[in-house]
Amino acid sequence: MADAATMLEPGRPKLASNASFAQYRLVIFVLAYCGLRWSEIAALHVGAGGLDKRRLTVGAAVVEVGHEVRWMSIPRFLVDDLHAHIGERTTDDLLFTAPEGGVMRNRNARRAWFNRAATAAGETGLTPHELRRTAASLAVSAGANVKAVQRMLGHASAAMTLDLYADLFDDDLEAVADRLDVLRESARVARLLHAPPESESESGPGTTIGPGNRGL
């Protein structure tokens, strides 16, 4: 897990490796790469993991009723860790639990291990919810469009995603402009490669041009 921690966005590479227990390092990775809310990750059951298809299904949240169901793809490097974490537990068991068992509570988790991990990583004051921005940032950097980020985060609309994370897409627009330059240059080269060769003259080489065909 420590090697995978370096894949987090700049400034947060040590956060997961500083978590106190192995399962909480995994909690940080799921938050940072999948963009779940704390209430959603706390409500995840073992049966939510379609790991063979690299998916997590989010269908509930602690303290919420009638939560909209969505699924998200998870990075391949997390699949083996999640398999090992699940072990022999049944589908109805919570995927992540508090140290003493039962539902992870945000405030208790911050006191027990998250705040210490954040401080050790040089991120004093970081909250678990801010890892949703990390997830959005990583997704945009990987080429995700606004609709994909909206689905991942569970926002009601793409407009809401843009309202919250518009600055993340500024660099994306610059990258689009750079790619357009590449496409234009590629099209120019393609035209040159497929253009017919020019002849030495309209009449061909070695042809004597007389007064009748000089345009005089």
C-alpha atoms as a PDB file:
ATOM      1  CA  MET A   1       0.000   0.000   0.000  1.00  0.00           C
ATOM      2  CA  ALA A   2       2.870   2.411   0.689  1.00  0.00           C
ATOM      3  CA  ASP A   3       3.952   2.446  -2.976  1.00  0.00           C
ATOM      4  CA  ALA A   4       0.431   3.207  -4.131  1.00  0.00           C
ATOM      5  CA  ALA A   5       0.338   6.172  -1.758  1.00  0.00           C
ATOM      6  CA  THR A   6       2.766   8.038  -4.027  1.00  0.00           C
ATOM      7  CA  MET A   7       0.041   8.059  -6.691  1.00  0.00           C
ATOM      8  CA  LEU A   8      -2.011  10.594  -4.765  1.00  0.00           C
ATOM      9  CA  GLU A   9      -1.960  14.164  -6.040  1.00  0.00           C
ATOM     10  CA  PRO A  10       1.110  16.277  -5.192  1.00  0.00           C
ATOM     11  CA  GLY A  11       1.144  17.321  -1.540  1.00  0.00           C
ATOM     12  CA  ARG A  12      -0.649  14.218  -0.282  1.00  0.00           C
ATOM     13  CA  PRO A  13       1.595  11.262  -1.158  1.00  0.00           C
ATOM     14  CA  LYS A  14       2.171  10.193   2.464  1.00  0.00           C
ATOM     15  CA  LEU A  15      -1.373  10.454   3.750  1.00  0.00           C
ATOM     16  CA  ALA A  16      -2.348   6.826   3.259  1.00  0.00           C
ATOM     17  CA  SER A  17       0.992   5.410   4.417  1.00  0.00           C
ATOM     18  CA  ASN A  18       0.569   7.328   7.684  1.00  0.00           C
ATOM     19  CA  ALA A  19      -2.841   5.893   8.533  1.00  0.00           C
ATOM     20  CA  SER A  20      -2.678   3.877  11.732  1.00  0.00           C
ATOM     21  CA  PHE A  21      -4.147   0.596  10.542  1.00  0.00           C
ATOM     22  CA  ALA A  22      -4.102  -1.259   7.224  1.00  0.00           C
ATOM     23  CA  GLN A  23      -7.855  -1.009   6.679  1.00  0.00           C
ATOM     24  CA  TYR A  24      -7.790   2.749   7.155  1.00  0.00           C
ATOM     25  CA  ARG A  25      -5.055   3.177   4.571  1.00  0.00           C
ATOM     26  CA  LEU A  26      -7.481   1.428   2.255  1.00  0.00           C
ATOM     27  CA  VAL A  27     -10.275   3.771   3.361  1.00  0.00           C
ATOM     28  CA  ILE A  28      -8.127   6.743   2.321  1.00  0.00           C
ATOM     29  CA  PHE A  29      -7.401   5.229  -1.086  1.00  0.00           C
ATOM     30  CA  VAL A  30     -11.083   4.531  -1.760  1.00  0.00           C
ATOM     31  CA  LEU A  31     -12.000   8.077  -0.730  1.00  0.00           C
ATOM     32  CA  ALA A  32      -9.214   9.625  -2.824  1.00  0.00           C
ATOM     33  CA  TYR A  33      -9.673   7.543  -5.972  1.00  0.00           C
ATOM     34  CA  CYS A  34     -13.419   6.901  -5.983  1.00  0.00           C
ATOM     35  CA  GLY A  35     -14.738  10.157  -4.531  1.00  0.00           C
ATOM     36  CA  LEU A  36     -17.198   8.703  -2.024  1.00  0.00           C
ATOM     37  CA  ARG A  37     -18.727  10.797   0.726  1.00  0.00           C
ATOM     38  CA  TRP A  38     -17.899   9.642   4.245  1.00  0.00           C
ATOM     39  CA  SER A  39     -21.516   8.652   4.817  1.00  0.00           C
ATOM     40  CA  GLU A  40     -21.321   6.453   1.702  1.00  0.00           C
ATOM     41  CA  ILE A  41     -18.078   4.660   2.521  1.00  0.00           C
ATOM     42  CA  ALA A  42     -19.308   4.065   6.076  1.00  0.00           C
ATOM     43  CA  ALA A  43     -22.426   2.367   4.684  1.00  0.00           C
ATOM     44  CA  LEU A  44     -20.635   0.151   2.125  1.00  0.00           C
ATOM     45  CA  HIS A  45     -21.207  -3.563   2.556  1.00  0.00           C
ATOM     46  CA  VAL A  46     -19.002  -6.350   1.286  1.00  0.00           C
ATOM     47  CA  GLY A  47     -21.674  -7.149  -1.295  1.00  0.00           C
ATOM     48  CA  ALA A  48     -21.181  -3.713  -2.873  1.00  0.00           C
ATOM     49  CA  GLY A  49     -17.899  -4.807  -4.381  1.00  0.00           C
ATOM     50  CA  GLY A  50     -18.145  -6.268  -7.882  1.00  0.00           C
ATOM     51  CA  LEU A  51     -14.398  -6.659  -7.837  1.00  0.00           C
ATOM     52  CA  ASP A  52     -14.273  -9.038 -10.798  1.00  0.00           C
ATOM     53  CA  LYS A  53     -15.544  -6.119 -12.883  1.00  0.00           C
ATOM     54  CA  ARG A  54     -13.514  -3.560 -10.875  1.00  0.00           C
ATOM     55  CA  ARG A  55     -16.672  -1.866  -9.614  1.00  0.00           C
ATOM     56  CA  LEU A  56     -18.102  -0.526  -6.392  1.00  0.00           C
ATOM     57  CA  THR A  57     -21.845  -0.013  -6.105  1.00  0.00           C
ATOM     58  CA  VAL A  58     -22.960   2.810  -3.819  1.00  0.00           C
ATOM     59  CA  GLY A  59     -26.579   2.384  -2.827  1.00  0.00           C
ATOM     60  CA  ALA A  60     -26.828   3.738   0.701  1.00  0.00           C
ATOM     61  CA  ALA A  61     -25.415   6.297   3.077  1.00  0.00           C
ATOM     62  CA  VAL A  62     -25.355   6.517   6.838  1.00  0.00           C
ATOM     63  CA  VAL A  63     -28.086   8.904   8.109  1.00  0.00           C
ATOM     64  CA  GLU A  64     -29.673   9.087   4.643  1.00  0.00           C
ATOM     65  CA  VAL A  65     -32.789   7.342   3.351  1.00  0.00           C
ATOM     66  CA  GLY A  66     -33.592   6.664  -0.290  1.00  0.00           C
ATOM     67  CA  HIS A  67     -30.019   7.158  -1.495  1.00  0.00           C
ATOM     68  CA  GLU A  68     -29.617   7.089  -5.278  1.00  0.00           C
ATOM     69  CA  VAL A  69     -27.755   4.005  -6.491  1.00  0.00           C
ATOM     70  CA  ARG A  70     -24.652   4.501  -8.610  1.00  0.00           C
ATOM     71  CA  TRP A  71     -21.621   2.416  -9.487  1.00  0.00           C
ATOM     72  CA  MET A  72     -18.057   3.431 -10.162  1.00  0.00           C
ATOM     73  CA  SER A  73     -14.961   1.801 -11.603  1.00  0.00           C
ATOM     74  CA  ILE A  74     -12.086   1.341  -9.206  1.00  0.00           C
ATOM     75  CA  PRO A  75      -8.384   1.391 -10.122  1.00  0.00           C
ATOM     76  CA  ARG A  76      -6.887  -2.023 -10.715  1.00  0.00           C
ATOM     77  CA  PHE A  77      -4.252  -1.567  -7.997  1.00  0.00           C
ATOM     78  CA  LEU A  78      -7.021  -1.433  -5.349  1.00  0.00           C
ATOM     79  CA  VAL A  79      -8.721  -4.692  -6.371  1.00  0.00           C
ATOM     80  CA  ASP A  80      -6.217  -7.083  -4.760  1.00  0.00           C
ATOM     81  CA  ASP A  81      -6.122  -5.009  -1.583  1.00  0.00           C
ATOM     82  CA  LEU A  82      -9.913  -5.041  -1.348  1.00  0.00           C
ATOM     83  CA  HIS A  83     -10.017  -8.809  -1.967  1.00  0.00           C
ATOM     84  CA  ALA A  84      -7.526  -9.359   0.849  1.00  0.00           C
ATOM     85  CA  HIS A  85      -9.414  -6.974   3.128  1.00  0.00           C
ATOM     86  CA  ILE A  86     -12.749  -8.733   2.532  1.00  0.00           C
ATOM     87  CA  GLY A  87     -11.346 -12.185   3.235  1.00  0.00           C
ATOM     88  CA  GLU A  88     -14.068 -14.592   4.377  1.00  0.00           C
ATOM     89  CA  ARG A  89     -16.660 -12.011   5.380  1.00  0.00           C
ATOM     90  CA  THR A  90     -20.220 -12.282   4.134  1.00  0.00           C
ATOM     91  CA  THR A  91     -21.915  -9.910   1.713  1.00  0.00           C
ATOM     92  CA  ASP A  92     -23.997  -8.347   4.495  1.00  0.00           C
ATOM     93  CA  ASP A  93     -20.963  -7.323   6.565  1.00  0.00           C
ATOM     94  CA  LEU A  94     -19.796  -3.712   6.505  1.00  0.00           C
ATOM     95  CA  LEU A  95     -16.795  -3.273   4.218  1.00  0.00           C
ATOM     96  CA  PHE A  96     -15.085  -0.900   6.686  1.00  0.00           C
ATOM     97  CA  THR A  97     -15.747  -0.685  10.410  1.00  0.00           C
ATOM     98  CA  ALA A  98     -14.683   1.329  13.442  1.00  0.00           C
ATOM     99  CA  PRO A  99     -11.807  -0.160  15.521  1.00  0.00           C
ATOM    100  CA  GLU A 100     -14.294  -1.584  18.011  1.00  0.00           C
ATOM    101  CA  GLY A 101     -16.634  -2.727  15.234  1.00  0.00           C
ATOM    102  CA  GLY A 102     -19.785  -1.133  13.902  1.00  0.00           C
ATOM    103  CA  VAL A 103     -20.216   1.907  11.677  1.00  0.00           C
ATOM    104  CA  MET A 104     -17.295   4.296  11.151  1.00  0.00           C
ATOM    105  CA  ARG A 105     -18.287   7.714  12.437  1.00  0.00           C
ATOM    106  CA  ASN A 106     -16.563  10.691  10.840  1.00  0.00           C
ATOM    107  CA  ARG A 107     -15.804  12.562  14.056  1.00  0.00           C
ATOM    108  CA  ASN A 108     -14.562   9.461  15.862  1.00  0.00           C
ATOM    109  CA  ALA A 109     -12.381   8.408  12.914  1.00  0.00           C
ATOM    110  CA  ARG A 110     -10.800  11.832  12.692  1.00  0.00           C
ATOM    111  CA  ARG A 111      -9.878  11.712  16.372  1.00  0.00           C
ATOM    112  CA  ALA A 112      -8.717   8.100  16.257  1.00  0.00           C
ATOM    113  CA  TRP A 113      -6.495   8.075  13.161  1.00  0.00           C
ATOM    114  CA  PHE A 114      -7.317  10.443  10.279  1.00  0.00           C
ATOM    115  CA  ASN A 115      -6.086  13.683  11.863  1.00  0.00           C
ATOM    116  CA  ARG A 116      -2.795  12.063  12.912  1.00  0.00           C
ATOM    117  CA  ALA A 117      -2.289  10.688   9.417  1.00  0.00           C
ATOM    118  CA  ALA A 118      -3.018  14.100   7.869  1.00  0.00           C
ATOM    119  CA  THR A 119      -0.637  15.910  10.233  1.00  0.00           C
ATOM    120  CA  ALA A 120       2.149  13.385   9.606  1.00  0.00           C
ATOM    121  CA  ALA A 121       1.679  13.968   5.861  1.00  0.00           C
ATOM    122  CA  GLY A 122       1.991  17.731   6.297  1.00  0.00           C
ATOM    123  CA  GLU A 123      -1.747  18.267   5.746  1.00  0.00           C
ATOM    124  CA  THR A 124      -2.892  19.443   9.170  1.00  0.00           C
ATOM    125  CA  GLY A 125      -6.565  20.380   9.067  1.00  0.00           C
ATOM    126  CA  LEU A 126      -7.370  18.197   6.059  1.00  0.00           C
ATOM    127  CA  THR A 127     -10.839  16.631   6.271  1.00  0.00           C
ATOM    128  CA  PRO A 128     -12.006  13.347   4.749  1.00  0.00           C
ATOM    129  CA  HIS A 129     -14.500  15.257   2.586  1.00  0.00           C
ATOM    130  CA  GLU A 130     -11.637  17.128   0.903  1.00  0.00           C
ATOM    131  CA  LEU A 131     -10.500  13.827  -0.570  1.00  0.00           C
ATOM    132  CA  ARG A 132     -13.516  14.106  -2.900  1.00  0.00           C
ATOM    133  CA  ARG A 133     -11.704  17.009  -4.524  1.00  0.00           C
ATOM    134  CA  THR A 134      -8.595  14.845  -4.728  1.00  0.00           C
ATOM    135  CA  ALA A 135     -10.661  12.209  -6.540  1.00  0.00           C
ATOM    136  CA  ALA A 136     -12.089  14.790  -8.941  1.00  0.00           C
ATOM    137  CA  SER A 137      -8.615  16.206  -9.596  1.00  0.00           C
ATOM    138  CA  LEU A 138      -7.134  12.774 -10.301  1.00  0.00           C
ATOM    139  CA  ALA A 139     -10.048  11.881 -12.597  1.00  0.00           C
ATOM    140  CA  VAL A 140      -9.738  15.104 -14.616  1.00  0.00           C
ATOM    141  CA  SER A 141      -5.975  14.622 -14.873  1.00  0.00           C
ATOM    142  CA  ALA A 142      -6.615  11.124 -16.201  1.00  0.00           C
ATOM    143  CA  GLY A 143      -8.836  12.559 -18.959  1.00  0.00           C
ATOM    144  CA  ALA A 144     -12.332  12.224 -17.461  1.00  0.00           C
ATOM    145  CA  ASN A 145     -14.948  14.630 -18.798  1.00  0.00           C
ATOM    146  CA  VAL A 146     -17.385  16.512 -16.596  1.00  0.00           C
ATOM    147  CA  LYS A 147     -20.162  13.911 -17.016  1.00  0.00           C
ATOM    148  CA  ALA A 148     -17.867  11.123 -15.866  1.00  0.00           C
ATOM    149  CA  VAL A 149     -16.781  13.151 -12.825  1.00  0.00           C
ATOM    150  CA  GLN A 150     -20.439  13.951 -12.079  1.00  0.00           C
ATOM    151  CA  ARG A 151     -21.350  10.250 -12.093  1.00  0.00           C
ATOM    152  CA  MET A 152     -18.364   9.317  -9.967  1.00  0.00           C
ATOM    153  CA  LEU A 153     -19.153  11.917  -7.309  1.00  0.00           C
ATOM    154  CA  GLY A 154     -22.915  11.371  -7.382  1.00  0.00           C
ATOM    155  CA  HIS A 155     -23.808  14.980  -8.188  1.00  0.00           C
ATOM    156  CA  ALA A 156     -27.339  15.769  -9.344  1.00  0.00           C
ATOM    157  CA  SER A 157     -26.095  17.454 -12.526  1.00  0.00           C
ATOM    158  CA  ALA A 158     -22.968  18.267 -14.504  1.00  0.00           C
ATOM    159  CA  ALA A 159     -23.690  21.935 -13.767  1.00  0.00           C
ATOM    160  CA  MET A 160     -23.257  21.235 -10.068  1.00  0.00           C
ATOM    161  CA  THR A 161     -19.922  19.531 -10.742  1.00  0.00           C
ATOM    162  CA  LEU A 162     -18.736  22.529 -12.745  1.00  0.00           C
ATOM    163  CA  ASP A 163     -19.903  24.957 -10.068  1.00  0.00           C
ATOM    164  CA  LEU A 164     -17.816  23.123  -7.469  1.00  0.00           C
ATOM    165  CA  TYR A 165     -14.780  22.131  -9.517  1.00  0.00           C
ATOM    166  CA  ALA A 166     -14.659  24.491 -12.505  1.00  0.00           C
ATOM    167  CA  ASP A 167     -11.009  25.339 -11.811  1.00  0.00           C
ATOM    168  CA  LEU A 168     -10.014  21.704 -12.330  1.00  0.00           C
ATOM    169  CA  PHE A 169     -11.206  21.904 -15.923  1.00  0.00           C
ATOM    170  CA  ASP A 170      -9.191  25.036 -16.777  1.00  0.00           C
ATOM    171  CA  ASP A 171      -6.033  23.004 -17.294  1.00  0.00           C
ATOM    172  CA  ASP A 172      -8.166  20.493 -19.185  1.00  0.00           C
ATOM    173  CA  LEU A 173      -9.135  23.224 -21.669  1.00  0.00           C
ATOM    174  CA  GLU A 174      -5.485  24.135 -22.116  1.00  0.00           C
ATOM    175  CA  ALA A 175      -4.718  20.485 -22.831  1.00  0.00           C
ATOM    176  CA  VAL A 176      -7.507  20.459 -25.436  1.00  0.00           C
ATOM    177  CA  ALA A 177      -5.911  23.458 -27.142  1.00  0.00           C
ATOM    178  CA  ASP A 178      -2.556  21.677 -27.168  1.00  0.00           C
ATOM    179  CA  ARG A 179      -4.157  18.576 -28.697  1.00  0.00           C
ATOM    180  CA  LEU A 180      -5.832  20.731 -31.368  1.00  0.00           C
ATOM    181  CA  ASP A 181      -2.380  22.032 -32.349  1.00  0.00           C
ATOM    182  CA  VAL A 182      -1.184  18.443 -32.699  1.00  0.00           C
ATOM    183  CA  LEU A 183      -4.242  17.478 -34.769  1.00  0.00           C
ATOM    184  CA  ARG A 184      -3.778  20.462 -37.078  1.00  0.00           C
ATOM    185  CA  GLU A 185      -0.124  19.597 -37.655  1.00  0.00           C
ATOM    186  CA  SER A 186      -1.030  15.944 -38.252  1.00  0.00           C
ATOM    187  CA  ALA A 187      -3.640  16.964 -40.833  1.00  0.00           C
ATOM    188  CA  ARG A 188      -1.078  19.162 -42.605  1.00  0.00           C
ATOM    189  CA  VAL A 189       1.409  16.288 -42.785  1.00  0.00           C
ATOM    190  CA  ALA A 190      -1.311  13.928 -44.045  1.00  0.00           C
ATOM    191  CA  ARG A 191      -2.182  16.331 -46.872  1.00  0.00           C
ATOM    192  CA  LEU A 192       1.455  16.544 -47.901  1.00  0.00           C
ATOM    193  CA  LEU A 193       1.847  12.770 -47.892  1.00  0.00           C
ATOM    194  CA  HIS A 194      -1.232  12.215 -50.061  1.00  0.00           C
ATOM    195  CA  ALA A 195      -0.784  15.128 -52.472  1.00  0.00           C
ATOM    196  CA  PRO A 196       0.009  14.059 -56.085  1.00  0.00           C
ATOM    197  CA  PRO A 197       3.554  14.906 -57.238  1.00  0.00           C
ATOM    198  CA  GLU A 198       3.882  18.028 -59.364  1.00  0.00           C
ATOM    199  CA  SER A 199       5.024  17.530 -62.995  1.00  0.00           C
ATOM    200  CA  GLU A 200       7.875  19.584 -64.446  1.00  0.00           C
ATOM    201  CA  SER A 201       5.407  21.232 -66.782  1.00  0.00           C
ATOM    202  CA  GLU A 202       1.878  20.704 -67.965  1.00  0.00           C
ATOM    203  CA  SER A 203       3.192  19.186 -71.218  1.00  0.00           C
ATOM    204  CA  GLY A 204       5.724  16.994 -69.488  1.00  0.00           C
ATOM    205  CA  PRO A 205       9.522  17.073 -69.471  1.00  0.00           C
ATOM    206  CA  GLY A 206      11.350  17.674 -72.733  1.00  0.00           C
ATOM    207  CA  THR A 207       8.421  19.364 -74.475  1.00  0.00           C
ATOM    208  CA  THR A 208       9.187  22.419 -76.581  1.00  0.00           C
ATOM    209  CA  ILE A 209       6.864  25.261 -75.805  1.00  0.00           C
ATOM    210  CA  GLY A 210       6.001  27.195 -78.948  1.00  0.00           C
ATOM    211  CA  PRO A 211       4.270  30.490 -79.515  1.00  0.00           C
ATOM    212  CA  GLY A 212       0.879  28.779 -79.679  1.00  0.00           C
ATOM    213  CA  ASN A 213       0.967  27.574 -76.119  1.00  0.00           C
ATOM    214  CA  ARG A 214       2.736  30.411 -74.334  1.00  0.00           C
ATOM    215  CA  GLY A 215      -0.493  32.228 -73.600  1.00  0.00           C
ATOM    216  CA  LEU A 216       0.485  35.070 -75.865  1.00  0.00           C
END
